[in-house]
Amino acid sequence: LFRVYSESGKKEAARSFMEQAKTDLSGHPQSPQIMQFFDGMLGQLAMPGVGDAMEIQFTSTTGEEIDLAKMNDKVVLVDFWATWCGPCVAEMPHIISTYEKYKEAGFEVVGISLDSDQAALDQFVAEYKMDWPQYFDGKGWENEIAGKFGITGIPATFLIGKDGKVAATNLRGNA
């Protein structure tokens, strides 16, 4: 039922259902494990879906002030990734080629790095000539922006339209 609610955009109903389930099972002998599992599911509700807005503001690794709300003249790909993530690295050629092909038409990429080693991130960005802003806080899976949006797996991508709303998610390869 949680999945049906969340996938149909009824996030409050999903949250309410899960909170009731937590209350109902609070006395169970395996309650700590059950609550941890339920909390993980509740975290998924923070993940933006098509039609949702993403509010992201940060200072990039190069000192640039980034505010997604001020990029409404562009189509923006928000890419949650890390240098140590094999699938993320495998996707990077697709992102780079798409960026090169469409940047003059108003396409931008914003990287949210879940790395904990900034030197590794900086080296990777330079080597692959990734000329877009990167967010780095050094907290790995505890990354503040990733946590805000319930990111539990990477790569995770969100295409933001000029209206500031998510137009597509989890784009891979030529998509």
N, C-alpha and C. Protein backbone atom coordinates (compact mmCIF):
# COMPACT_ATOMS: atom_id res chain seq x y z
N LEU A 1 0.83 -1.19 0.00
CA LEU A 1 0.00 0.00 0.00
C LEU A 1 0.88 1.26 0.00
N PHE A 2 1.97 1.21 0.77
CA PHE A 2 2.90 2.33 0.77
C PHE A 2 3.39 2.63 -0.64
N ARG A 3 3.79 1.60 -1.36
CA ARG A 3 4.31 1.77 -2.72
C ARG A 3 3.23 2.33 -3.65
N VAL A 4 2.02 1.83 -3.54
CA VAL A 4 0.91 2.31 -4.39
C VAL A 4 0.69 3.80 -4.13
N TYR A 5 0.62 4.18 -2.86
CA TYR A 5 0.44 5.59 -2.53
C TYR A 5 1.60 6.45 -3.06
N SER A 6 2.81 6.02 -2.78
CA SER A 6 3.95 6.87 -3.15
C SER A 6 4.12 6.97 -4.67
N GLU A 7 3.91 5.87 -5.38
CA GLU A 7 4.06 5.90 -6.84
C GLU A 7 2.94 6.64 -7.54
N SER A 8 1.81 6.81 -6.87
CA SER A 8 0.71 7.55 -7.47
C SER A 8 0.70 9.01 -7.05
N GLY A 9 1.78 9.44 -6.36
CA GLY A 9 1.91 10.84 -5.97
C GLY A 9 1.18 11.21 -4.69
N LYS A 10 0.65 10.23 -3.98
CA LYS A 10 -0.07 10.49 -2.73
C LYS A 10 0.89 10.30 -1.55
N LYS A 11 1.87 11.20 -1.49
CA LYS A 11 2.93 11.07 -0.49
C LYS A 11 2.41 11.20 0.93
N GLU A 12 1.45 12.07 1.17
CA GLU A 12 0.93 12.22 2.53
C GLU A 12 0.18 10.97 2.98
N ALA A 13 -0.55 10.34 2.08
CA ALA A 13 -1.23 9.10 2.41
C ALA A 13 -0.21 8.00 2.71
N ALA A 14 0.86 7.95 1.93
CA ALA A 14 1.92 6.97 2.16
C ALA A 14 2.57 7.20 3.53
N ARG A 15 2.85 8.47 3.84
CA ARG A 15 3.46 8.81 5.12
C ARG A 15 2.53 8.42 6.28
N SER A 16 1.26 8.73 6.15
CA SER A 16 0.28 8.42 7.18
C SER A 16 0.18 6.91 7.39
N PHE A 17 0.14 6.16 6.29
CA PHE A 17 0.09 4.70 6.37
C PHE A 17 1.31 4.16 7.12
N MET A 18 2.48 4.65 6.76
CA MET A 18 3.72 4.15 7.37
C MET A 18 3.79 4.53 8.84
N GLU A 19 3.36 5.72 9.20
CA GLU A 19 3.37 6.13 10.61
C GLU A 19 2.42 5.25 11.42
N GLN A 20 1.28 4.89 10.84
CA GLN A 20 0.34 4.00 11.54
C GLN A 20 0.95 2.62 11.71
N ALA A 21 1.62 2.14 10.67
CA ALA A 21 2.29 0.83 10.75
C ALA A 21 3.36 0.84 11.84
N LYS A 22 4.10 1.94 11.94
CA LYS A 22 5.12 2.05 13.00
C LYS A 22 4.48 1.99 14.38
N THR A 23 3.37 2.67 14.54
CA THR A 23 2.65 2.65 15.82
C THR A 23 2.15 1.24 16.12
N ASP A 24 1.56 0.60 15.12
CA ASP A 24 0.99 -0.73 15.31
C ASP A 24 2.05 -1.77 15.67
N LEU A 25 3.27 -1.61 15.17
CA LEU A 25 4.32 -2.61 15.38
C LEU A 25 5.35 -2.19 16.43
N SER A 26 5.10 -1.11 17.12
CA SER A 26 6.09 -0.59 18.08
C SER A 26 6.41 -1.58 19.20
N GLY A 27 5.50 -2.48 19.56
CA GLY A 27 5.75 -3.44 20.63
C GLY A 27 6.32 -4.76 20.15
N HIS A 28 6.54 -4.91 18.86
CA HIS A 28 7.05 -6.16 18.30
C HIS A 28 8.47 -6.42 18.81
N PRO A 29 8.83 -7.70 19.07
CA PRO A 29 10.19 -8.00 19.56
C PRO A 29 11.30 -7.52 18.62
N GLN A 30 11.03 -7.43 17.34
CA GLN A 30 12.04 -6.96 16.38
C GLN A 30 11.79 -5.50 15.97
N SER A 31 11.17 -4.77 16.86
CA SER A 31 10.79 -3.39 16.57
C SER A 31 11.96 -2.52 16.08
N PRO A 32 13.15 -2.58 16.69
CA PRO A 32 14.23 -1.71 16.20
C PRO A 32 14.55 -1.93 14.72
N GLN A 33 14.60 -3.19 14.30
CA GLN A 33 14.89 -3.47 12.89
C GLN A 33 13.75 -3.05 12.00
N ILE A 34 12.53 -3.29 12.44
CA ILE A 34 11.35 -2.91 11.66
C ILE A 34 11.29 -1.39 11.50
N MET A 35 11.54 -0.66 12.59
CA MET A 35 11.48 0.81 12.53
C MET A 35 12.56 1.36 11.61
N GLN A 36 13.75 0.75 11.63
CA GLN A 36 14.82 1.18 10.73
C GLN A 36 14.39 0.99 9.27
N PHE A 37 13.78 -0.14 8.98
CA PHE A 37 13.30 -0.41 7.63
C PHE A 37 12.22 0.59 7.23
N PHE A 38 11.26 0.83 8.14
CA PHE A 38 10.19 1.79 7.85
C PHE A 38 10.75 3.19 7.66
N ASP A 39 11.73 3.58 8.47
CA ASP A 39 12.33 4.92 8.32
C ASP A 39 13.00 5.06 6.96
N GLY A 40 13.62 3.99 6.48
CA GLY A 40 14.21 4.02 5.15
C GLY A 40 13.16 4.23 4.07
N MET A 41 12.02 3.56 4.25
CA MET A 41 10.93 3.74 3.29
C MET A 41 10.38 5.16 3.36
N LEU A 42 10.25 5.70 4.57
CA LEU A 42 9.77 7.08 4.71
C LEU A 42 10.73 8.06 4.05
N GLY A 43 12.02 7.77 4.13
CA GLY A 43 13.01 8.64 3.48
C GLY A 43 12.81 8.73 1.98
N GLN A 44 12.27 7.66 1.38
CA GLN A 44 12.03 7.66 -0.06
C GLN A 44 10.99 8.70 -0.46
N LEU A 45 10.14 9.08 0.48
CA LEU A 45 9.11 10.07 0.15
C LEU A 45 9.71 11.44 -0.13
N ALA A 46 10.92 11.68 0.36
CA ALA A 46 11.58 12.96 0.12
C ALA A 46 12.14 13.05 -1.30
N MET A 47 12.27 11.89 -1.96
CA MET A 47 12.84 11.89 -3.31
C MET A 47 11.87 12.54 -4.28
N PRO A 48 12.34 13.55 -5.01
CA PRO A 48 11.45 14.25 -5.94
C PRO A 48 11.00 13.35 -7.09
N GLY A 49 9.79 13.58 -7.51
CA GLY A 49 9.24 12.89 -8.66
C GLY A 49 8.89 13.90 -9.74
N VAL A 50 8.45 13.41 -10.87
CA VAL A 50 8.06 14.29 -11.98
C VAL A 50 6.99 15.27 -11.48
N GLY A 51 7.22 16.54 -11.76
CA GLY A 51 6.29 17.60 -11.35
C GLY A 51 6.67 18.28 -10.05
N ASP A 52 7.59 17.69 -9.29
CA ASP A 52 8.04 18.30 -8.04
C ASP A 52 9.12 19.34 -8.32
N ALA A 53 9.27 20.27 -7.40
CA ALA A 53 10.36 21.26 -7.48
C ALA A 53 11.51 20.78 -6.60
N MET A 54 12.72 21.15 -6.98
CA MET A 54 13.90 20.86 -6.16
C MET A 54 14.55 22.19 -5.81
N GLU A 55 14.60 22.48 -4.53
CA GLU A 55 15.27 23.69 -4.08
C GLU A 55 16.69 23.31 -3.67
N ILE A 56 17.65 23.81 -4.45
CA ILE A 56 19.06 23.50 -4.19
C ILE A 56 19.84 24.80 -4.27
N GLN A 57 20.57 25.09 -3.21
CA GLN A 57 21.48 26.24 -3.15
C GLN A 57 22.77 25.78 -2.51
N PHE A 58 23.90 26.19 -3.07
CA PHE A 58 25.19 25.83 -2.47
C PHE A 58 26.30 26.67 -3.09
N THR A 59 27.45 26.60 -2.48
CA THR A 59 28.66 27.18 -3.04
C THR A 59 29.45 26.03 -3.65
N SER A 60 29.77 26.15 -4.94
CA SER A 60 30.44 25.06 -5.65
C SER A 60 31.89 24.94 -5.19
N THR A 61 32.52 23.87 -5.64
CA THR A 61 33.92 23.63 -5.29
C THR A 61 34.84 24.72 -5.84
N THR A 62 34.35 25.48 -6.82
CA THR A 62 35.15 26.58 -7.38
C THR A 62 34.75 27.93 -6.81
N GLY A 63 33.83 27.93 -5.83
CA GLY A 63 33.42 29.17 -5.18
C GLY A 63 32.23 29.87 -5.80
N GLU A 64 31.62 29.25 -6.80
CA GLU A 64 30.45 29.84 -7.47
C GLU A 64 29.19 29.59 -6.65
N GLU A 65 28.37 30.63 -6.51
CA GLU A 65 27.10 30.49 -5.80
C GLU A 65 26.06 29.91 -6.75
N ILE A 66 25.49 28.78 -6.37
CA ILE A 66 24.52 28.08 -7.21
C ILE A 66 23.15 28.12 -6.53
N ASP A 67 22.14 28.48 -7.30
CA ASP A 67 20.76 28.49 -6.82
C ASP A 67 19.90 27.99 -7.98
N LEU A 68 19.39 26.78 -7.85
CA LEU A 68 18.61 26.18 -8.92
C LEU A 68 17.43 27.06 -9.31
N ALA A 69 16.84 27.78 -8.35
CA ALA A 69 15.70 28.64 -8.64
C ALA A 69 16.06 29.78 -9.58
N LYS A 70 17.32 30.18 -9.60
CA LYS A 70 17.76 31.27 -10.47
C LYS A 70 18.21 30.78 -11.85
N MET A 71 18.06 29.47 -12.09
CA MET A 71 18.48 28.90 -13.37
C MET A 71 17.25 28.60 -14.24
N ASN A 72 16.17 29.39 -14.07
CA ASN A 72 14.92 29.11 -14.76
C ASN A 72 14.97 29.39 -16.25
N ASP A 73 16.08 29.87 -16.74
CA ASP A 73 16.23 30.05 -18.19
C ASP A 73 16.95 28.85 -18.81
N LYS A 74 17.19 27.82 -17.99
CA LYS A 74 17.93 26.65 -18.45
C LYS A 74 17.18 25.36 -18.13
N VAL A 75 17.54 24.33 -18.85
CA VAL A 75 17.15 22.97 -18.49
C VAL A 75 18.36 22.42 -17.74
N VAL A 76 18.14 21.88 -16.54
CA VAL A 76 19.24 21.48 -15.67
C VAL A 76 19.15 20.00 -15.31
N LEU A 77 20.26 19.31 -15.47
CA LEU A 77 20.37 17.94 -15.00
C LEU A 77 21.07 17.97 -13.64
N VAL A 78 20.38 17.54 -12.59
CA VAL A 78 20.98 17.42 -11.27
C VAL A 78 21.45 15.98 -11.15
N ASP A 79 22.76 15.81 -10.95
CA ASP A 79 23.38 14.49 -10.95
C ASP A 79 24.00 14.20 -9.59
N PHE A 80 23.41 13.26 -8.85
CA PHE A 80 23.98 12.80 -7.58
C PHE A 80 24.92 11.65 -7.95
N TRP A 81 26.19 11.77 -7.56
CA TRP A 81 27.19 10.83 -8.03
C TRP A 81 28.40 10.83 -7.11
N ALA A 82 29.38 9.98 -7.41
CA ALA A 82 30.67 9.97 -6.69
C ALA A 82 31.73 9.34 -7.59
N THR A 83 32.97 9.71 -7.37
CA THR A 83 34.07 9.18 -8.17
C THR A 83 34.29 7.70 -7.93
N TRP A 84 33.94 7.20 -6.75
CA TRP A 84 34.13 5.79 -6.40
C TRP A 84 32.97 4.90 -6.86
N CYS A 85 31.95 5.48 -7.47
CA CYS A 85 30.75 4.76 -7.90
C CYS A 85 30.93 4.31 -9.35
N GLY A 86 31.10 3.01 -9.57
CA GLY A 86 31.31 2.48 -10.91
C GLY A 86 30.21 2.86 -11.90
N PRO A 87 28.93 2.67 -11.54
CA PRO A 87 27.87 3.06 -12.46
C PRO A 87 27.86 4.57 -12.75
N CYS A 88 28.24 5.38 -11.76
CA CYS A 88 28.30 6.84 -11.98
C CYS A 88 29.37 7.17 -13.00
N VAL A 89 30.54 6.56 -12.85
CA VAL A 89 31.65 6.79 -13.77
C VAL A 89 31.28 6.30 -15.16
N ALA A 90 30.56 5.17 -15.24
CA ALA A 90 30.14 4.63 -16.53
C ALA A 90 29.16 5.57 -17.24
N GLU A 91 28.36 6.31 -16.48
CA GLU A 91 27.39 7.24 -17.07
C GLU A 91 28.03 8.57 -17.49
N MET A 92 29.18 8.88 -16.92
CA MET A 92 29.77 10.20 -17.14
C MET A 92 30.00 10.54 -18.62
N PRO A 93 30.46 9.62 -19.47
CA PRO A 93 30.60 9.98 -20.90
C PRO A 93 29.28 10.44 -21.53
N HIS A 94 28.17 9.84 -21.13
CA HIS A 94 26.87 10.25 -21.66
C HIS A 94 26.52 11.67 -21.19
N ILE A 95 26.77 11.94 -19.93
CA ILE A 95 26.47 13.27 -19.39
C ILE A 95 27.35 14.32 -20.06
N ILE A 96 28.63 14.01 -20.19
CA ILE A 96 29.57 14.95 -20.81
C ILE A 96 29.17 15.23 -22.26
N SER A 97 28.85 14.19 -23.02
CA SER A 97 28.49 14.43 -24.43
C SER A 97 27.17 15.20 -24.55
N THR A 98 26.21 14.93 -23.66
CA THR A 98 24.94 15.66 -23.69
C THR A 98 25.19 17.13 -23.32
N TYR A 99 26.02 17.35 -22.33
CA TYR A 99 26.36 18.71 -21.92
C TYR A 99 27.02 19.46 -23.08
N GLU A 100 27.99 18.85 -23.71
CA GLU A 100 28.69 19.50 -24.83
C GLU A 100 27.73 19.80 -25.98
N LYS A 101 26.82 18.89 -26.23
CA LYS A 101 25.88 19.04 -27.35
C LYS A 101 24.85 20.14 -27.11
N TYR A 102 24.40 20.32 -25.85
CA TYR A 102 23.27 21.21 -25.59
C TYR A 102 23.58 22.43 -24.71
N LYS A 103 24.81 22.59 -24.26
CA LYS A 103 25.09 23.71 -23.34
C LYS A 103 24.83 25.07 -23.98
N GLU A 104 25.09 25.21 -25.25
CA GLU A 104 24.85 26.49 -25.93
C GLU A 104 23.36 26.78 -26.06
N ALA A 105 22.53 25.75 -25.97
CA ALA A 105 21.08 25.91 -26.08
C ALA A 105 20.43 26.12 -24.70
N GLY A 106 21.26 26.21 -23.64
CA GLY A 106 20.72 26.46 -22.31
C GLY A 106 20.63 25.25 -21.41
N PHE A 107 21.41 24.22 -21.70
CA PHE A 107 21.44 23.03 -20.85
C PHE A 107 22.58 23.16 -19.85
N GLU A 108 22.29 22.83 -18.60
CA GLU A 108 23.31 22.90 -17.54
C GLU A 108 23.28 21.60 -16.75
N VAL A 109 24.39 21.27 -16.15
CA VAL A 109 24.49 20.13 -15.25
C VAL A 109 24.94 20.67 -13.90
N VAL A 110 24.37 20.13 -12.84
CA VAL A 110 24.78 20.44 -11.48
C VAL A 110 25.12 19.12 -10.82
N GLY A 111 26.37 18.97 -10.40
CA GLY A 111 26.80 17.73 -9.76
C GLY A 111 26.71 17.84 -8.25
N ILE A 112 26.17 16.80 -7.64
CA ILE A 112 26.13 16.69 -6.18
C ILE A 112 26.98 15.47 -5.84
N SER A 113 28.21 15.73 -5.39
CA SER A 113 29.17 14.66 -5.15
C SER A 113 29.03 14.08 -3.76
N LEU A 114 28.94 12.75 -3.70
CA LEU A 114 28.91 12.05 -2.42
C LEU A 114 30.30 11.54 -2.04
N ASP A 115 31.31 12.17 -2.60
CA ASP A 115 32.69 11.83 -2.25
C ASP A 115 33.03 12.34 -0.86
N SER A 116 34.05 11.75 -0.26
CA SER A 116 34.57 12.26 1.01
C SER A 116 36.00 12.78 0.84
N ASP A 117 36.56 12.62 -0.35
CA ASP A 117 37.92 13.07 -0.65
C ASP A 117 37.85 14.13 -1.76
N GLN A 118 38.01 15.40 -1.38
CA GLN A 118 37.88 16.47 -2.37
C GLN A 118 38.99 16.42 -3.41
N ALA A 119 40.18 15.99 -3.03
CA ALA A 119 41.27 15.91 -4.01
C ALA A 119 40.90 14.92 -5.12
N ALA A 120 40.31 13.79 -4.76
CA ALA A 120 39.89 12.81 -5.76
C ALA A 120 38.81 13.40 -6.66
N LEU A 121 37.88 14.13 -6.06
CA LEU A 121 36.82 14.77 -6.85
C LEU A 121 37.42 15.79 -7.81
N ASP A 122 38.26 16.67 -7.30
CA ASP A 122 38.86 17.71 -8.14
C ASP A 122 39.66 17.11 -9.29
N GLN A 123 40.42 16.05 -9.00
CA GLN A 123 41.21 15.39 -10.04
C GLN A 123 40.31 14.79 -11.11
N PHE A 124 39.24 14.13 -10.69
CA PHE A 124 38.30 13.51 -11.63
C PHE A 124 37.65 14.56 -12.51
N VAL A 125 37.16 15.63 -11.88
CA VAL A 125 36.49 16.71 -12.62
C VAL A 125 37.43 17.32 -13.65
N ALA A 126 38.69 17.53 -13.27
CA ALA A 126 39.66 18.11 -14.20
C ALA A 126 39.98 17.13 -15.33
N GLU A 127 40.18 15.87 -14.99
CA GLU A 127 40.53 14.87 -15.98
C GLU A 127 39.44 14.69 -17.03
N TYR A 128 38.19 14.69 -16.59
CA TYR A 128 37.07 14.48 -17.50
C TYR A 128 36.51 15.79 -18.07
N LYS A 129 37.13 16.91 -17.70
CA LYS A 129 36.72 18.23 -18.20
C LYS A 129 35.23 18.49 -17.95
N MET A 130 34.84 18.29 -16.71
CA MET A 130 33.45 18.49 -16.30
C MET A 130 33.30 19.95 -15.89
N ASP A 131 32.88 20.77 -16.84
CA ASP A 131 32.83 22.22 -16.66
C ASP A 131 31.53 22.71 -16.03
N TRP A 132 30.98 21.96 -15.11
CA TRP A 132 29.76 22.38 -14.43
C TRP A 132 29.99 22.38 -12.93
N PRO A 133 29.15 23.09 -12.21
CA PRO A 133 29.34 23.23 -10.76
C PRO A 133 29.16 21.90 -10.02
N GLN A 134 29.98 21.73 -9.00
CA GLN A 134 29.93 20.54 -8.16
C GLN A 134 29.72 20.95 -6.70
N TYR A 135 28.81 20.25 -6.05
CA TYR A 135 28.63 20.42 -4.60
C TYR A 135 29.41 19.33 -3.90
N PHE A 136 30.16 19.71 -2.88
CA PHE A 136 30.95 18.77 -2.10
C PHE A 136 30.92 19.21 -0.65
N ASP A 137 30.50 18.29 0.24
CA ASP A 137 30.59 18.62 1.66
C ASP A 137 31.45 17.62 2.42
N GLY A 138 31.97 16.60 1.71
CA GLY A 138 32.88 15.64 2.33
C GLY A 138 32.23 14.63 3.23
N LYS A 139 30.90 14.56 3.25
CA LYS A 139 30.19 13.69 4.19
C LYS A 139 29.75 12.36 3.59
N GLY A 140 30.15 12.08 2.35
CA GLY A 140 29.79 10.80 1.74
C GLY A 140 28.28 10.60 1.73
N TRP A 141 27.83 9.45 2.26
CA TRP A 141 26.41 9.13 2.28
C TRP A 141 25.62 10.03 3.21
N GLU A 142 26.29 10.80 4.03
CA GLU A 142 25.62 11.75 4.91
C GLU A 142 25.52 13.14 4.26
N ASN A 143 25.80 13.22 2.97
CA ASN A 143 25.74 14.45 2.20
C ASN A 143 24.41 15.16 2.47
N GLU A 144 24.49 16.45 2.80
CA GLU A 144 23.30 17.19 3.21
C GLU A 144 22.24 17.30 2.12
N ILE A 145 22.66 17.59 0.90
CA ILE A 145 21.67 17.74 -0.18
C ILE A 145 21.07 16.37 -0.53
N ALA A 146 21.90 15.34 -0.57
CA ALA A 146 21.38 14.00 -0.85
C ALA A 146 20.38 13.58 0.23
N GLY A 147 20.69 13.89 1.48
CA GLY A 147 19.78 13.57 2.57
C GLY A 147 18.46 14.30 2.47
N LYS A 148 18.53 15.56 2.08
CA LYS A 148 17.31 16.37 1.93
C LYS A 148 16.34 15.76 0.94
N PHE A 149 16.88 15.11 -0.10
CA PHE A 149 16.04 14.56 -1.15
C PHE A 149 15.89 13.04 -1.08
N GLY A 150 16.29 12.44 0.03
CA GLY A 150 16.09 11.00 0.21
C GLY A 150 16.87 10.13 -0.74
N ILE A 151 18.03 10.58 -1.17
CA ILE A 151 18.85 9.81 -2.10
C ILE A 151 19.50 8.65 -1.34
N THR A 152 19.19 7.44 -1.76
CA THR A 152 19.75 6.26 -1.11
C THR A 152 20.58 5.41 -2.06
N GLY A 153 20.65 5.81 -3.31
CA GLY A 153 21.45 5.10 -4.30
C GLY A 153 21.89 6.06 -5.38
N ILE A 154 23.10 5.82 -5.91
CA ILE A 154 23.62 6.66 -6.98
C ILE A 154 24.09 5.76 -8.11
N PRO A 155 24.11 6.26 -9.34
CA PRO A 155 23.74 7.61 -9.73
C PRO A 155 22.23 7.84 -9.61
N ALA A 156 21.90 9.06 -9.30
CA ALA A 156 20.50 9.49 -9.27
C ALA A 156 20.44 10.82 -10.02
N THR A 157 19.62 10.88 -11.04
CA THR A 157 19.54 12.08 -11.87
C THR A 157 18.12 12.61 -11.92
N PHE A 158 18.05 13.94 -12.01
CA PHE A 158 16.77 14.63 -12.09
C PHE A 158 16.90 15.71 -13.15
N LEU A 159 16.07 15.66 -14.17
CA LEU A 159 16.07 16.67 -15.22
C LEU A 159 15.04 17.73 -14.84
N ILE A 160 15.50 18.97 -14.68
CA ILE A 160 14.65 20.08 -14.26
C ILE A 160 14.35 20.94 -15.48
N GLY A 161 13.08 21.15 -15.75
CA GLY A 161 12.67 21.98 -16.88
C GLY A 161 12.78 23.46 -16.55
N LYS A 162 12.56 24.29 -17.54
CA LYS A 162 12.63 25.75 -17.34
C LYS A 162 11.56 26.24 -16.38
N ASP A 163 10.54 25.43 -16.12
CA ASP A 163 9.51 25.81 -15.15
C ASP A 163 9.94 25.50 -13.72
N GLY A 164 11.16 24.94 -13.56
CA GLY A 164 11.69 24.65 -12.23
C GLY A 164 11.20 23.33 -11.65
N LYS A 165 10.51 22.54 -12.45
CA LYS A 165 9.95 21.27 -11.96
C LYS A 165 10.66 20.08 -12.60
N VAL A 166 10.69 18.98 -11.88
CA VAL A 166 11.31 17.76 -12.37
C VAL A 166 10.52 17.27 -13.60
N ALA A 167 11.23 17.10 -14.70
CA ALA A 167 10.62 16.62 -15.94
C ALA A 167 10.86 15.12 -16.14
N ALA A 168 11.98 14.61 -15.58
CA ALA A 168 12.31 13.20 -15.71
C ALA A 168 13.31 12.84 -14.61
N THR A 169 13.35 11.55 -14.27
CA THR A 169 14.28 11.08 -13.25
C THR A 169 14.99 9.83 -13.73
N ASN A 170 16.12 9.55 -13.08
CA ASN A 170 16.90 8.33 -13.33
C ASN A 170 17.20 8.09 -14.79
N LEU A 171 17.68 9.12 -15.43
CA LEU A 171 18.06 9.02 -16.84
C LEU A 171 19.39 8.29 -16.95
N ARG A 172 19.49 7.40 -17.91
CA ARG A 172 20.71 6.63 -18.13
C ARG A 172 21.01 6.60 -19.62
N GLY A 173 22.28 6.37 -19.93
CA GLY A 173 22.70 6.20 -21.31
C GLY A 173 22.26 7.36 -22.21
N ASN A 174 21.71 7.03 -23.35
CA ASN A 174 21.29 8.05 -24.31
C ASN A 174 20.05 8.82 -23.86
N ALA A 175 19.35 8.31 -22.87
CA ALA A 175 18.16 9.03 -22.37
C ALA A 175 18.59 10.37 -21.79
